[in-house]
Amino acid sequence: LSYTRPPFVLYGTLWILLIAFLTINLPSAYQQLQAAFATIHPELEDASRILGATRLQSLRQITAPLLRTGVIATWCFIFVGVMRELSAAIVLFTSQTKVLSVLIYDLNESGDLAAISVLGIAMLVITFAVVLAVNQIPVFGANAGARLRN
């Protein structure tokens, strides 16, 4: 209701779906990123500060590279969750903002199993392509351990 009146009239747009998906997945993303932050020892930043780096330089040169894998893995996890999200999408969609999961649900109601199969495979291919692309990032790839040893 708060997004149906000015100044933020977002209902019926893709922005309201984005906000809903982010809100639903925020707790799991927070938990994963909290675990990633726990792996970084504070003394690493302290050492860089002692050596003359500013806080921004410490963040950019030490913390951000160490968090990169956790952030990308969290994004991938959230992407997979958003791809299959139906409850928020079914409440917030309009005819102009129908997402794939709602379309599959509507086709299930009409009994069009062939279209559901095609859309399900398309959803699977999209998810697989994103996960494959993430695995091609040098930090996640199959040779990441070999690069780290060298």
Protein backbone atom coordinates (compact mmCIF):
# COMPACT_ATOMS: atom_id res chain seq x y z
CA LEU A 1 0.00 0.00 0.00
CA SER A 2 2.84 2.39 0.72
CA TYR A 3 4.00 2.22 -2.91
CA THR A 4 0.61 3.02 -4.47
CA ARG A 5 0.56 6.70 -3.44
CA PRO A 6 2.92 9.57 -4.21
CA PRO A 7 5.83 10.21 -3.90
CA PHE A 8 6.70 6.56 -4.70
CA VAL A 9 4.12 5.12 -7.06
CA LEU A 10 5.87 1.85 -7.83
CA TYR A 11 2.96 -0.58 -7.98
CA GLY A 12 2.60 -2.05 -11.45
CA THR A 13 6.27 -1.53 -12.31
CA LEU A 14 9.22 -3.88 -12.30
CA TRP A 15 10.74 -1.80 -9.47
CA ILE A 16 8.20 -3.10 -6.95
CA LEU A 17 9.09 -6.68 -7.95
CA LEU A 18 12.78 -5.90 -7.51
CA ILE A 19 12.15 -4.42 -4.06
CA ALA A 20 10.04 -7.45 -3.08
CA PHE A 21 12.65 -9.94 -4.29
CA LEU A 22 15.43 -8.07 -2.49
CA THR A 23 13.39 -7.91 0.71
CA ILE A 24 12.60 -11.62 0.62
CA ASN A 25 16.21 -12.63 -0.01
CA LEU A 26 17.88 -10.05 2.22
CA PRO A 27 18.09 -12.27 5.35
CA SER A 28 19.86 -15.13 3.58
CA ALA A 29 22.18 -12.71 1.77
CA TYR A 30 23.00 -11.00 5.05
CA GLN A 31 23.81 -14.32 6.69
CA GLN A 32 26.10 -15.40 3.87
CA LEU A 33 27.89 -12.06 3.75
CA GLN A 34 28.25 -12.06 7.52
CA ALA A 35 30.06 -15.39 7.23
CA ALA A 36 32.29 -13.91 4.52
CA PHE A 37 33.13 -10.91 6.73
CA ALA A 38 33.93 -13.25 9.63
CA THR A 39 36.70 -14.88 7.58
CA ILE A 40 38.57 -11.59 7.25
CA HIS A 41 40.75 -10.91 10.24
CA PRO A 42 40.66 -7.26 11.39
CA GLU A 43 44.44 -7.26 11.81
CA LEU A 44 44.83 -7.27 8.02
CA GLU A 45 43.23 -3.83 7.82
CA ASP A 46 45.15 -2.70 10.89
CA ALA A 47 48.42 -3.74 9.26
CA SER A 48 47.63 -1.78 6.10
CA ARG A 49 46.71 1.27 8.18
CA ILE A 50 50.02 0.98 10.07
CA LEU A 51 51.83 0.86 6.73
CA GLY A 52 50.26 4.17 5.74
CA ALA A 53 47.13 3.24 3.77
CA THR A 54 43.96 5.24 4.22
CA ARG A 55 40.71 3.53 5.20
CA LEU A 56 39.49 3.67 1.61
CA GLN A 57 42.74 2.18 0.32
CA SER A 58 42.50 -0.61 2.91
CA LEU A 59 38.95 -1.30 1.84
CA ARG A 60 39.81 -1.27 -1.86
CA GLN A 61 43.09 -3.21 -1.69
CA ILE A 62 42.49 -5.68 1.15
CA THR A 63 38.86 -6.10 2.20
CA ALA A 64 37.18 -5.95 -1.22
CA PRO A 65 39.39 -8.58 -2.89
CA LEU A 66 38.94 -10.92 0.07
CA LEU A 67 35.15 -10.44 -0.03
CA ARG A 68 34.84 -10.82 -3.81
CA THR A 69 34.21 -14.58 -3.78
CA GLY A 70 31.64 -14.32 -0.99
CA VAL A 71 29.77 -11.50 -2.70
CA ILE A 72 29.67 -13.28 -6.06
CA ALA A 73 28.58 -16.57 -4.47
CA THR A 74 25.86 -14.74 -2.52
CA TRP A 75 24.67 -13.02 -5.70
CA CYS A 76 24.49 -16.36 -7.49
CA PHE A 77 22.54 -17.91 -4.61
CA ILE A 78 20.09 -15.00 -4.57
CA PHE A 79 19.70 -15.12 -8.36
CA VAL A 80 18.64 -18.77 -8.20
CA GLY A 81 16.16 -17.93 -5.43
CA VAL A 82 14.68 -15.03 -7.38
CA MET A 83 14.32 -17.16 -10.50
CA ARG A 84 12.01 -19.54 -8.67
CA GLU A 85 10.18 -16.98 -6.49
CA LEU A 86 6.42 -17.16 -6.97
CA SER A 87 4.67 -15.89 -3.86
CA ALA A 88 5.71 -12.23 -4.10
CA ALA A 89 5.50 -12.20 -7.88
CA ILE A 90 1.96 -13.52 -7.93
CA VAL A 91 0.80 -10.80 -5.54
CA LEU A 92 2.59 -7.91 -7.27
CA PHE A 93 2.46 -8.69 -11.00
CA THR A 94 0.35 -6.86 -13.55
CA SER A 95 -0.25 -7.68 -17.19
CA GLN A 96 2.81 -5.58 -18.10
CA THR A 97 5.10 -7.06 -15.41
CA LYS A 98 4.40 -10.80 -15.61
CA VAL A 99 7.53 -12.74 -14.72
CA LEU A 100 8.43 -16.25 -15.82
CA SER A 101 7.32 -18.02 -12.64
CA VAL A 102 3.86 -16.38 -12.80
CA LEU A 103 3.58 -17.26 -16.48
CA ILE A 104 4.34 -20.91 -15.69
CA TYR A 105 1.74 -20.83 -12.90
CA ASP A 106 -0.89 -19.38 -15.26
CA LEU A 107 -0.11 -22.01 -17.89
CA ASN A 108 -0.46 -24.71 -15.25
CA GLU A 109 -3.95 -23.43 -14.45
CA SER A 110 -4.89 -23.67 -18.14
CA GLY A 111 -3.27 -27.10 -18.48
CA ASP A 112 -0.79 -26.22 -21.23
CA LEU A 113 1.94 -28.70 -20.32
CA ALA A 114 3.93 -28.25 -23.53
CA ALA A 115 4.42 -24.51 -22.90
CA ILE A 116 5.24 -25.20 -19.25
CA SER A 117 7.92 -27.66 -20.33
CA VAL A 118 9.47 -25.17 -22.75
CA LEU A 119 9.46 -22.37 -20.18
CA GLY A 120 10.83 -24.69 -17.48
CA ILE A 121 13.70 -25.72 -19.75
CA ALA A 122 14.31 -22.05 -20.63
CA MET A 123 14.45 -21.23 -16.93
CA LEU A 124 16.85 -24.11 -16.37
CA VAL A 125 19.09 -22.99 -19.24
CA ILE A 126 19.16 -19.39 -17.97
CA THR A 127 20.06 -20.53 -14.45
CA PHE A 128 22.67 -22.95 -15.76
CA ALA A 129 24.20 -20.22 -17.96
CA VAL A 130 24.50 -17.83 -15.00
CA VAL A 131 26.07 -20.47 -12.76
CA LEU A 132 28.44 -21.46 -15.58
CA ALA A 133 29.38 -17.80 -16.14
CA VAL A 134 30.12 -17.40 -12.43
CA ASN A 135 32.32 -20.49 -12.57
CA GLN A 136 34.28 -18.92 -15.43
CA ILE A 137 35.34 -16.05 -13.18
CA PRO A 138 39.02 -16.75 -12.41
CA VAL A 139 38.45 -16.83 -8.66
CA PHE A 140 35.83 -19.60 -8.96
CA GLY A 141 37.12 -21.59 -11.93
CA ALA A 142 38.49 -25.11 -11.83
CA ASN A 143 42.08 -23.85 -11.97
CA ALA A 144 41.67 -21.32 -9.15
CA GLY A 145 43.59 -23.50 -6.70
CA ALA A 146 46.44 -23.99 -9.18
CA ARG A 147 46.67 -20.23 -9.77
CA LEU A 148 46.79 -19.61 -6.05
CA ARG A 149 49.61 -22.11 -5.56
CA ASN A 150 51.74 -20.49 -8.29
